[in-house]
Amino acid sequence: MSADWPNDTHPAIHAIQIAGYRKMSPSQKLEQVCSLTRTVQQLALLDVRRRHPHADAREQALRVASRWIDPELMLRAFGWDVRKEGY
């Protein structure tokens, strides 16, 4: 079993997944990645809203962005100090 083998997936199911990925066109693969990225971003936003229920839309967006953007860049670009404000 290689390091990239999912340890929570039965080998037969993993083989079916790989076969499905191989049948996909590059644009289908890209759409799959984009869809998963949107899902992760939506989950991050839900978490921010849960943790900071009184935050306005700008603060929510900054808190979500700060999960992916380097803290120094967040500070320079948006004035958001992750060390002070948190995620």
C-alpha atoms as a PDB file:
ATOM      1  CA  MET A   1       0.000   0.000   0.000  1.00  0.00           C
ATOM      2  CA  SER A   2       1.513   3.356  -1.039  1.00  0.00           C
ATOM      3  CA  ALA A   3       1.567   6.538   1.040  1.00  0.00           C
ATOM      4  CA  ASP A   4      -1.145   8.126  -1.122  1.00  0.00           C
ATOM      5  CA  TRP A   5      -3.537   5.205  -0.658  1.00  0.00           C
ATOM      6  CA  PRO A   6      -6.609   6.323   1.312  1.00  0.00           C
ATOM      7  CA  ASN A   7      -6.646   4.215   4.469  1.00  0.00           C
ATOM      8  CA  ASP A   8     -10.374   4.816   4.979  1.00  0.00           C
ATOM      9  CA  THR A   9     -11.404   3.420   1.582  1.00  0.00           C
ATOM     10  CA  HIS A  10     -11.684  -0.241   0.651  1.00  0.00           C
ATOM     11  CA  PRO A  11      -9.181  -1.110  -2.118  1.00  0.00           C
ATOM     12  CA  ALA A  12     -11.950  -2.189  -4.518  1.00  0.00           C
ATOM     13  CA  ILE A  13     -13.758   1.130  -4.078  1.00  0.00           C
ATOM     14  CA  HIS A  14     -10.507   3.042  -4.476  1.00  0.00           C
ATOM     15  CA  ALA A  15      -9.886   1.235  -7.788  1.00  0.00           C
ATOM     16  CA  ILE A  16     -13.361   2.280  -8.990  1.00  0.00           C
ATOM     17  CA  GLN A  17     -12.627   5.891  -8.015  1.00  0.00           C
ATOM     18  CA  ILE A  18      -9.321   5.891  -9.906  1.00  0.00           C
ATOM     19  CA  ALA A  19     -10.984   4.376 -12.982  1.00  0.00           C
ATOM     20  CA  GLY A  20     -13.638   7.100 -12.826  1.00  0.00           C
ATOM     21  CA  TYR A  21     -11.020   9.841 -12.578  1.00  0.00           C
ATOM     22  CA  ARG A  22      -9.169   8.403 -15.569  1.00  0.00           C
ATOM     23  CA  LYS A  23     -12.355   8.549 -17.664  1.00  0.00           C
ATOM     24  CA  MET A  24     -12.921  12.226 -16.854  1.00  0.00           C
ATOM     25  CA  SER A  25     -11.845  14.925 -19.257  1.00  0.00           C
ATOM     26  CA  PRO A  26      -9.485  17.627 -17.987  1.00  0.00           C
ATOM     27  CA  SER A  27     -12.383  20.090 -17.822  1.00  0.00           C
ATOM     28  CA  GLN A  28     -14.447  17.620 -15.783  1.00  0.00           C
ATOM     29  CA  LYS A  29     -11.535  17.152 -13.385  1.00  0.00           C
ATOM     30  CA  LEU A  30     -11.121  20.910 -13.088  1.00  0.00           C
ATOM     31  CA  GLU A  31     -14.832  21.350 -12.374  1.00  0.00           C
ATOM     32  CA  GLN A  32     -14.601  18.667  -9.685  1.00  0.00           C
ATOM     33  CA  VAL A  33     -11.694  20.492  -8.037  1.00  0.00           C
ATOM     34  CA  CYS A  34     -13.528  23.833  -8.260  1.00  0.00           C
ATOM     35  CA  SER A  35     -16.640  22.307  -6.745  1.00  0.00           C
ATOM     36  CA  LEU A  36     -14.677  20.826  -3.848  1.00  0.00           C
ATOM     37  CA  THR A  37     -12.921  24.156  -3.308  1.00  0.00           C
ATOM     38  CA  ARG A  38     -16.268  25.981  -3.155  1.00  0.00           C
ATOM     39  CA  THR A  39     -17.529  23.421  -0.661  1.00  0.00           C
ATOM     40  CA  VAL A  40     -14.498  23.901   1.583  1.00  0.00           C
ATOM     41  CA  GLN A  41     -14.919  27.682   1.399  1.00  0.00           C
ATOM     42  CA  GLN A  42     -18.615  27.401   2.278  1.00  0.00           C
ATOM     43  CA  LEU A  43     -17.780  25.181   5.254  1.00  0.00           C
ATOM     44  CA  ALA A  44     -15.152  27.690   6.392  1.00  0.00           C
ATOM     45  CA  LEU A  45     -17.701  30.507   6.151  1.00  0.00           C
ATOM     46  CA  LEU A  46     -20.212  28.518   8.176  1.00  0.00           C
ATOM     47  CA  ASP A  47     -17.558  27.940  10.831  1.00  0.00           C
ATOM     48  CA  VAL A  48     -16.725  31.669  10.925  1.00  0.00           C
ATOM     49  CA  ARG A  49     -20.407  32.541  11.277  1.00  0.00           C
ATOM     50  CA  ARG A  50     -20.762  30.028  14.104  1.00  0.00           C
ATOM     51  CA  ARG A  51     -17.701  31.322  15.954  1.00  0.00           C
ATOM     52  CA  HIS A  52     -18.409  35.021  15.285  1.00  0.00           C
ATOM     53  CA  PRO A  53     -22.199  35.416  14.975  1.00  0.00           C
ATOM     54  CA  HIS A  54     -22.058  39.237  15.140  1.00  0.00           C
ATOM     55  CA  ALA A  55     -19.381  39.679  12.470  1.00  0.00           C
ATOM     56  CA  ASP A  56     -20.401  41.690   9.422  1.00  0.00           C
ATOM     57  CA  ALA A  57     -19.862  40.432   5.870  1.00  0.00           C
ATOM     58  CA  ARG A  58     -16.416  42.072   5.533  1.00  0.00           C
ATOM     59  CA  GLU A  59     -15.141  40.549   8.760  1.00  0.00           C
ATOM     60  CA  GLN A  60     -16.509  37.154   7.760  1.00  0.00           C
ATOM     61  CA  ALA A  61     -14.732  37.374   4.397  1.00  0.00           C
ATOM     62  CA  LEU A  62     -11.468  38.400   6.061  1.00  0.00           C
ATOM     63  CA  ARG A  63     -11.668  35.569   8.573  1.00  0.00           C
ATOM     64  CA  VAL A  64     -12.275  33.061   5.777  1.00  0.00           C
ATOM     65  CA  ALA A  65      -9.478  34.495   3.623  1.00  0.00           C
ATOM     66  CA  SER A  66      -7.069  34.450   6.545  1.00  0.00           C
ATOM     67  CA  ARG A  67      -7.297  30.672   6.595  1.00  0.00           C
ATOM     68  CA  TRP A  68      -5.540  30.503   3.224  1.00  0.00           C
ATOM     69  CA  ILE A  69      -3.556  33.724   2.921  1.00  0.00           C
ATOM     70  CA  ASP A  70      -0.234  34.228   4.693  1.00  0.00           C
ATOM     71  CA  PRO A  71      -0.627  36.361   7.855  1.00  0.00           C
ATOM     72  CA  GLU A  72       1.896  38.972   6.663  1.00  0.00           C
ATOM     73  CA  LEU A  73       0.058  39.378   3.360  1.00  0.00           C
ATOM     74  CA  MET A  74      -3.292  39.627   5.196  1.00  0.00           C
ATOM     75  CA  LEU A  75      -1.848  42.452   7.262  1.00  0.00           C
ATOM     76  CA  ARG A  76      -0.284  44.316   4.317  1.00  0.00           C
ATOM     77  CA  ALA A  77      -3.178  43.842   1.902  1.00  0.00           C
ATOM     78  CA  PHE A  78      -6.193  44.116   4.186  1.00  0.00           C
ATOM     79  CA  GLY A  79      -4.962  45.457   7.518  1.00  0.00           C
ATOM     80  CA  TRP A  80      -6.115  42.210   9.148  1.00  0.00           C
ATOM     81  CA  ASP A  81      -3.728  41.045  11.860  1.00  0.00           C
ATOM     82  CA  VAL A  82      -4.410  37.352  12.293  1.00  0.00           C
ATOM     83  CA  ARG A  83      -2.328  37.255  15.469  1.00  0.00           C
ATOM     84  CA  LYS A  84      -4.563  39.923  17.026  1.00  0.00           C
ATOM     85  CA  GLU A  85      -7.955  39.194  15.433  1.00  0.00           C
ATOM     86  CA  GLY A  86      -7.706  35.462  14.900  1.00  0.00           C
ATOM     87  CA  TYR A  87      -9.170  33.434  12.084  1.00  0.00           C
END
